């Protein structure tokens, strides 16, 4: 199993890629939807922040030891999020608001949330199963699986943000 330092390094790489992608947008393009029923880059960034703030609460909630490999679901999560041909819908609690998003505010929110995640990774046993939320597709997940979930979820949305950028710049 990866140790905390290795996982934090992966998380930092993910954070850097996300902040770099967000910074590729101009303020006036950040809220532009490529199609009326699609998300803007601002919507995507807000969704990532909302989801990860929720996951941070799960990570510090009730957790118990497991008999299974604590990294068992990482590859499954990666494979699901890497399939860009399959549309995944965000449930309402983690869907973006209809508000106008600002780049500076979302960058600050995301960096703050990721710093909290790093602190959790550093201070807690990553092999424990988080009991406060069961993912409807993946079931119960360990802390390390949840952090990998954040990383692969972000990779998926980086791809989406690139597509948005291409469409609104055309």
C-alpha atoms as a PDB file:
ATOM      1  CA  UNK A   1       0.000   0.000   0.000  1.00  0.00           C
ATOM      2  CA  UNK A   2       1.192   3.533  -0.741  1.00  0.00           C
ATOM      3  CA  UNK A   3       2.304   5.472   2.271  1.00  0.00           C
ATOM      4  CA  UNK A   4       0.926   8.897   3.172  1.00  0.00           C
ATOM      5  CA  UNK A   5       3.801  10.804   1.543  1.00  0.00           C
ATOM      6  CA  UNK A   6       3.327   8.989  -1.778  1.00  0.00           C
ATOM      7  CA  UNK A   7      -0.410   9.589  -1.742  1.00  0.00           C
ATOM      8  CA  UNK A   8       0.057  13.263  -0.869  1.00  0.00           C
ATOM      9  CA  UNK A   9       2.481  13.610  -3.785  1.00  0.00           C
ATOM     10  CA  UNK A  10      -0.157  12.162  -6.146  1.00  0.00           C
ATOM     11  CA  UNK A  11      -2.767  14.473  -4.669  1.00  0.00           C
ATOM     12  CA  UNK A  12      -0.454  17.482  -5.108  1.00  0.00           C
ATOM     13  CA  UNK A  13       0.165  16.543  -8.754  1.00  0.00           C
ATOM     14  CA  UNK A  14      -3.589  16.325  -9.262  1.00  0.00           C
ATOM     15  CA  UNK A  15      -4.094  19.692  -7.563  1.00  0.00           C
ATOM     16  CA  UNK A  16      -1.430  21.306  -9.748  1.00  0.00           C
ATOM     17  CA  UNK A  17      -2.980  19.918 -12.929  1.00  0.00           C
ATOM     18  CA  UNK A  18      -6.406  21.148 -11.845  1.00  0.00           C
ATOM     19  CA  UNK A  19      -5.259  24.640 -10.917  1.00  0.00           C
ATOM     20  CA  UNK A  20      -3.269  24.897 -14.161  1.00  0.00           C
ATOM     21  CA  UNK A  21      -6.329  23.847 -16.166  1.00  0.00           C
ATOM     22  CA  UNK A  22      -8.586  26.343 -14.379  1.00  0.00           C
ATOM     23  CA  UNK A  23      -6.022  29.093 -14.985  1.00  0.00           C
ATOM     24  CA  UNK A  24      -6.217  28.418 -18.732  1.00  0.00           C
ATOM     25  CA  UNK A  25      -9.675  29.997 -18.709  1.00  0.00           C
ATOM     26  CA  UNK A  26     -10.317  33.712 -18.841  1.00  0.00           C
ATOM     27  CA  UNK A  27     -12.779  35.108 -16.315  1.00  0.00           C
ATOM     28  CA  UNK A  28     -15.381  35.755 -19.020  1.00  0.00           C
ATOM     29  CA  UNK A  29     -15.069  32.155 -20.379  1.00  0.00           C
ATOM     30  CA  UNK A  30     -15.161  30.355 -17.014  1.00  0.00           C
ATOM     31  CA  UNK A  31     -18.985  30.353 -16.862  1.00  0.00           C
ATOM     32  CA  UNK A  32     -19.664  29.759 -20.567  1.00  0.00           C
ATOM     33  CA  UNK A  33     -21.508  26.497 -21.270  1.00  0.00           C
ATOM     34  CA  UNK A  34     -20.605  24.810 -24.557  1.00  0.00           C
ATOM     35  CA  UNK A  35     -24.279  23.757 -24.852  1.00  0.00           C
ATOM     36  CA  UNK A  36     -27.277  24.897 -22.788  1.00  0.00           C
ATOM     37  CA  UNK A  37     -27.579  21.551 -20.971  1.00  0.00           C
ATOM     38  CA  UNK A  38     -23.845  21.153 -20.318  1.00  0.00           C
ATOM     39  CA  UNK A  39     -21.596  22.412 -17.553  1.00  0.00           C
ATOM     40  CA  UNK A  40     -19.181  25.313 -17.813  1.00  0.00           C
ATOM     41  CA  UNK A  41     -15.601  25.023 -16.567  1.00  0.00           C
ATOM     42  CA  UNK A  42     -16.772  26.900 -13.469  1.00  0.00           C
ATOM     43  CA  UNK A  43     -19.510  24.332 -12.924  1.00  0.00           C
ATOM     44  CA  UNK A  44     -16.980  21.507 -13.192  1.00  0.00           C
ATOM     45  CA  UNK A  45     -14.599  23.172 -10.744  1.00  0.00           C
ATOM     46  CA  UNK A  46     -17.404  23.835  -8.264  1.00  0.00           C
ATOM     47  CA  UNK A  47     -18.583  20.216  -8.556  1.00  0.00           C
ATOM     48  CA  UNK A  48     -15.064  18.973  -7.753  1.00  0.00           C
ATOM     49  CA  UNK A  49     -14.912  21.251  -4.726  1.00  0.00           C
ATOM     50  CA  UNK A  50     -18.370  20.240  -3.437  1.00  0.00           C
ATOM     51  CA  UNK A  51     -17.630  16.533  -3.830  1.00  0.00           C
ATOM     52  CA  UNK A  52     -14.209  16.704  -2.206  1.00  0.00           C
ATOM     53  CA  UNK A  53     -15.496  18.758   0.717  1.00  0.00           C
ATOM     54  CA  UNK A  54     -18.046  15.996   1.295  1.00  0.00           C
ATOM     55  CA  UNK A  55     -15.384  13.284   0.972  1.00  0.00           C
ATOM     56  CA  UNK A  56     -13.224  15.059   3.556  1.00  0.00           C
ATOM     57  CA  UNK A  57     -16.107  14.711   6.028  1.00  0.00           C
ATOM     58  CA  UNK A  58     -16.379  11.006   5.173  1.00  0.00           C
ATOM     59  CA  UNK A  59     -12.616  10.570   5.703  1.00  0.00           C
ATOM     60  CA  UNK A  60     -12.784  11.885   9.268  1.00  0.00           C
ATOM     61  CA  UNK A  61     -16.032  10.123  10.108  1.00  0.00           C
ATOM     62  CA  UNK A  62     -16.512   6.643  11.505  1.00  0.00           C
ATOM     63  CA  UNK A  63     -13.890   4.259  10.114  1.00  0.00           C
ATOM     64  CA  UNK A  64     -13.179   0.618  10.944  1.00  0.00           C
ATOM     65  CA  UNK A  65     -10.554  -1.951  10.041  1.00  0.00           C
ATOM     66  CA  UNK A  66     -11.101  -4.263   7.097  1.00  0.00           C
ATOM     67  CA  UNK A  67     -10.116  -7.796   6.218  1.00  0.00           C
ATOM     68  CA  UNK A  68      -9.778  -6.991   2.513  1.00  0.00           C
ATOM     69  CA  UNK A  69      -6.958  -5.325   0.611  1.00  0.00           C
ATOM     70  CA  UNK A  70      -7.429  -1.589   1.373  1.00  0.00           C
ATOM     71  CA  UNK A  71      -6.495  -0.746  -2.231  1.00  0.00           C
ATOM     72  CA  UNK A  72      -8.801  -3.348  -3.809  1.00  0.00           C
ATOM     73  CA  UNK A  73     -11.152  -0.840  -5.465  1.00  0.00           C
ATOM     74  CA  UNK A  74      -8.590   1.673  -6.742  1.00  0.00           C
ATOM     75  CA  UNK A  75      -8.216   0.120 -10.193  1.00  0.00           C
ATOM     76  CA  UNK A  76     -11.996  -0.230 -10.576  1.00  0.00           C
ATOM     77  CA  UNK A  77     -12.453   3.457  -9.709  1.00  0.00           C
ATOM     78  CA  UNK A  78      -9.680   4.436 -12.112  1.00  0.00           C
ATOM     79  CA  UNK A  79     -11.168   2.383 -14.943  1.00  0.00           C
ATOM     80  CA  UNK A  80     -14.668   3.825 -14.487  1.00  0.00           C
ATOM     81  CA  UNK A  81     -13.410   7.420 -14.412  1.00  0.00           C
ATOM     82  CA  UNK A  82     -11.031   6.810 -17.341  1.00  0.00           C
ATOM     83  CA  UNK A  83     -13.868   5.760 -19.647  1.00  0.00           C
ATOM     84  CA  UNK A  84     -14.590   9.147 -21.203  1.00  0.00           C
ATOM     85  CA  UNK A  85     -17.172   7.652 -23.568  1.00  0.00           C
ATOM     86  CA  UNK A  86     -19.502   6.813 -20.670  1.00  0.00           C
ATOM     87  CA  UNK A  87     -21.484   9.760 -19.327  1.00  0.00           C
ATOM     88  CA  UNK A  88     -21.736   9.887 -15.545  1.00  0.00           C
ATOM     89  CA  UNK A  89     -24.341  12.080 -13.896  1.00  0.00           C
ATOM     90  CA  UNK A  90     -23.697  13.887 -10.639  1.00  0.00           C
ATOM     91  CA  UNK A  91     -26.511  13.547  -8.097  1.00  0.00           C
ATOM     92  CA  UNK A  92     -28.090  16.809  -6.942  1.00  0.00           C
ATOM     93  CA  UNK A  93     -26.165  17.145  -3.651  1.00  0.00           C
ATOM     94  CA  UNK A  94     -22.864  17.381  -5.555  1.00  0.00           C
ATOM     95  CA  UNK A  95     -24.127  19.186  -8.665  1.00  0.00           C
ATOM     96  CA  UNK A  96     -22.921  22.759  -9.172  1.00  0.00           C
ATOM     97  CA  UNK A  97     -25.054  25.738  -8.251  1.00  0.00           C
ATOM     98  CA  UNK A  98     -26.564  28.069 -10.837  1.00  0.00           C
ATOM     99  CA  UNK A  99     -24.462  30.929  -9.443  1.00  0.00           C
ATOM    100  CA  UNK A 100     -21.727  32.680 -11.384  1.00  0.00           C
ATOM    101  CA  UNK A 101     -18.363  31.198 -10.405  1.00  0.00           C
ATOM    102  CA  UNK A 102     -15.135  33.125 -10.045  1.00  0.00           C
ATOM    103  CA  UNK A 103     -11.767  31.590 -10.818  1.00  0.00           C
ATOM    104  CA  UNK A 104     -10.053  33.077  -7.771  1.00  0.00           C
ATOM    105  CA  UNK A 105     -12.714  31.881  -5.339  1.00  0.00           C
ATOM    106  CA  UNK A 106     -12.822  28.338  -6.715  1.00  0.00           C
ATOM    107  CA  UNK A 107      -9.037  28.068  -6.833  1.00  0.00           C
ATOM    108  CA  UNK A 108      -8.930  29.138  -3.202  1.00  0.00           C
ATOM    109  CA  UNK A 109     -11.727  26.731  -2.238  1.00  0.00           C
ATOM    110  CA  UNK A 110     -10.121  23.783  -4.044  1.00  0.00           C
ATOM    111  CA  UNK A 111      -6.650  24.446  -2.620  1.00  0.00           C
ATOM    112  CA  UNK A 112      -8.096  24.740   0.899  1.00  0.00           C
ATOM    113  CA  UNK A 113     -10.061  21.510   0.510  1.00  0.00           C
ATOM    114  CA  UNK A 114      -7.023  19.669  -0.862  1.00  0.00           C
ATOM    115  CA  UNK A 115      -4.903  20.929   2.047  1.00  0.00           C
ATOM    116  CA  UNK A 116      -7.476  19.463   4.429  1.00  0.00           C
ATOM    117  CA  UNK A 117      -7.301  16.173   2.512  1.00  0.00           C
ATOM    118  CA  UNK A 118      -3.498  16.185   2.849  1.00  0.00           C
ATOM    119  CA  UNK A 119      -3.784  16.751   6.603  1.00  0.00           C
ATOM    120  CA  UNK A 120      -6.230  13.850   6.879  1.00  0.00           C
ATOM    121  CA  UNK A 121      -3.936  11.584   4.862  1.00  0.00           C
ATOM    122  CA  UNK A 122      -0.990  12.509   7.085  1.00  0.00           C
ATOM    123  CA  UNK A 123      -2.829  11.968  10.361  1.00  0.00           C
ATOM    124  CA  UNK A 124      -5.042   8.908   9.807  1.00  0.00           C
ATOM    125  CA  UNK A 125      -4.801   5.216   9.004  1.00  0.00           C
ATOM    126  CA  UNK A 126      -5.452   5.009   5.260  1.00  0.00           C
ATOM    127  CA  UNK A 127      -6.388   1.331   5.347  1.00  0.00           C
ATOM    128  CA  UNK A 128      -9.599   1.822   7.329  1.00  0.00           C
ATOM    129  CA  UNK A 129     -13.064   1.549   5.740  1.00  0.00           C
ATOM    130  CA  UNK A 130     -15.133   4.736   5.940  1.00  0.00           C
ATOM    131  CA  UNK A 131     -18.613   3.891   7.234  1.00  0.00           C
ATOM    132  CA  UNK A 132     -20.422   7.245   7.056  1.00  0.00           C
ATOM    133  CA  UNK A 133     -21.116   7.007   3.318  1.00  0.00           C
ATOM    134  CA  UNK A 134     -21.473   4.031   1.007  1.00  0.00           C
ATOM    135  CA  UNK A 135     -20.929   4.890  -2.667  1.00  0.00           C
ATOM    136  CA  UNK A 136     -23.820   3.525  -4.735  1.00  0.00           C
ATOM    137  CA  UNK A 137     -21.445   2.188  -7.412  1.00  0.00           C
ATOM    138  CA  UNK A 138     -18.327   1.255  -5.447  1.00  0.00           C
ATOM    139  CA  UNK A 139     -19.760   0.365  -2.046  1.00  0.00           C
ATOM    140  CA  UNK A 140     -17.776   0.921   1.133  1.00  0.00           C
ATOM    141  CA  UNK A 141     -14.332   2.343   0.506  1.00  0.00           C
ATOM    142  CA  UNK A 142     -11.176   2.813   2.533  1.00  0.00           C
ATOM    143  CA  UNK A 143      -9.545   6.172   3.074  1.00  0.00           C
ATOM    144  CA  UNK A 144      -6.898   5.405   0.463  1.00  0.00           C
ATOM    145  CA  UNK A 145      -9.592   4.407  -2.036  1.00  0.00           C
ATOM    146  CA  UNK A 146     -11.495   7.640  -1.378  1.00  0.00           C
ATOM    147  CA  UNK A 147      -8.381   9.751  -1.942  1.00  0.00           C
ATOM    148  CA  UNK A 148      -7.682   7.879  -5.182  1.00  0.00           C
ATOM    149  CA  UNK A 149     -11.336   8.465  -6.068  1.00  0.00           C
ATOM    150  CA  UNK A 150     -10.665  12.226  -5.759  1.00  0.00           C
ATOM    151  CA  UNK A 151      -7.571  11.989  -7.948  1.00  0.00           C
ATOM    152  CA  UNK A 152      -9.231   9.942 -10.721  1.00  0.00           C
ATOM    153  CA  UNK A 153     -12.423  11.993 -10.519  1.00  0.00           C
ATOM    154  CA  UNK A 154     -10.309  15.105 -11.074  1.00  0.00           C
ATOM    155  CA  UNK A 155      -8.530  13.491 -14.043  1.00  0.00           C
ATOM    156  CA  UNK A 156     -11.905  12.784 -15.612  1.00  0.00           C
ATOM    157  CA  UNK A 157     -12.966  16.390 -15.157  1.00  0.00           C
ATOM    158  CA  UNK A 158      -9.659  17.733 -16.477  1.00  0.00           C
ATOM    159  CA  UNK A 159     -10.512  15.931 -19.702  1.00  0.00           C
ATOM    160  CA  UNK A 160     -13.999  17.462 -19.600  1.00  0.00           C
ATOM    161  CA  UNK A 161     -12.596  20.958 -18.998  1.00  0.00           C
ATOM    162  CA  UNK A 162     -10.265  20.562 -21.973  1.00  0.00           C
ATOM    163  CA  UNK A 163     -13.258  19.658 -24.165  1.00  0.00           C
ATOM    164  CA  UNK A 164     -15.153  22.674 -22.837  1.00  0.00           C
ATOM    165  CA  UNK A 165     -12.193  24.928 -23.617  1.00  0.00           C
ATOM    166  CA  UNK A 166     -11.973  23.572 -27.159  1.00  0.00           C
ATOM    167  CA  UNK A 167     -15.719  24.038 -27.772  1.00  0.00           C
ATOM    168  CA  UNK A 168     -16.023  27.571 -26.432  1.00  0.00           C
ATOM    169  CA  UNK A 169     -12.812  28.691 -28.174  1.00  0.00           C
ATOM    170  CA  UNK A 170     -13.879  27.389 -31.581  1.00  0.00           C
END
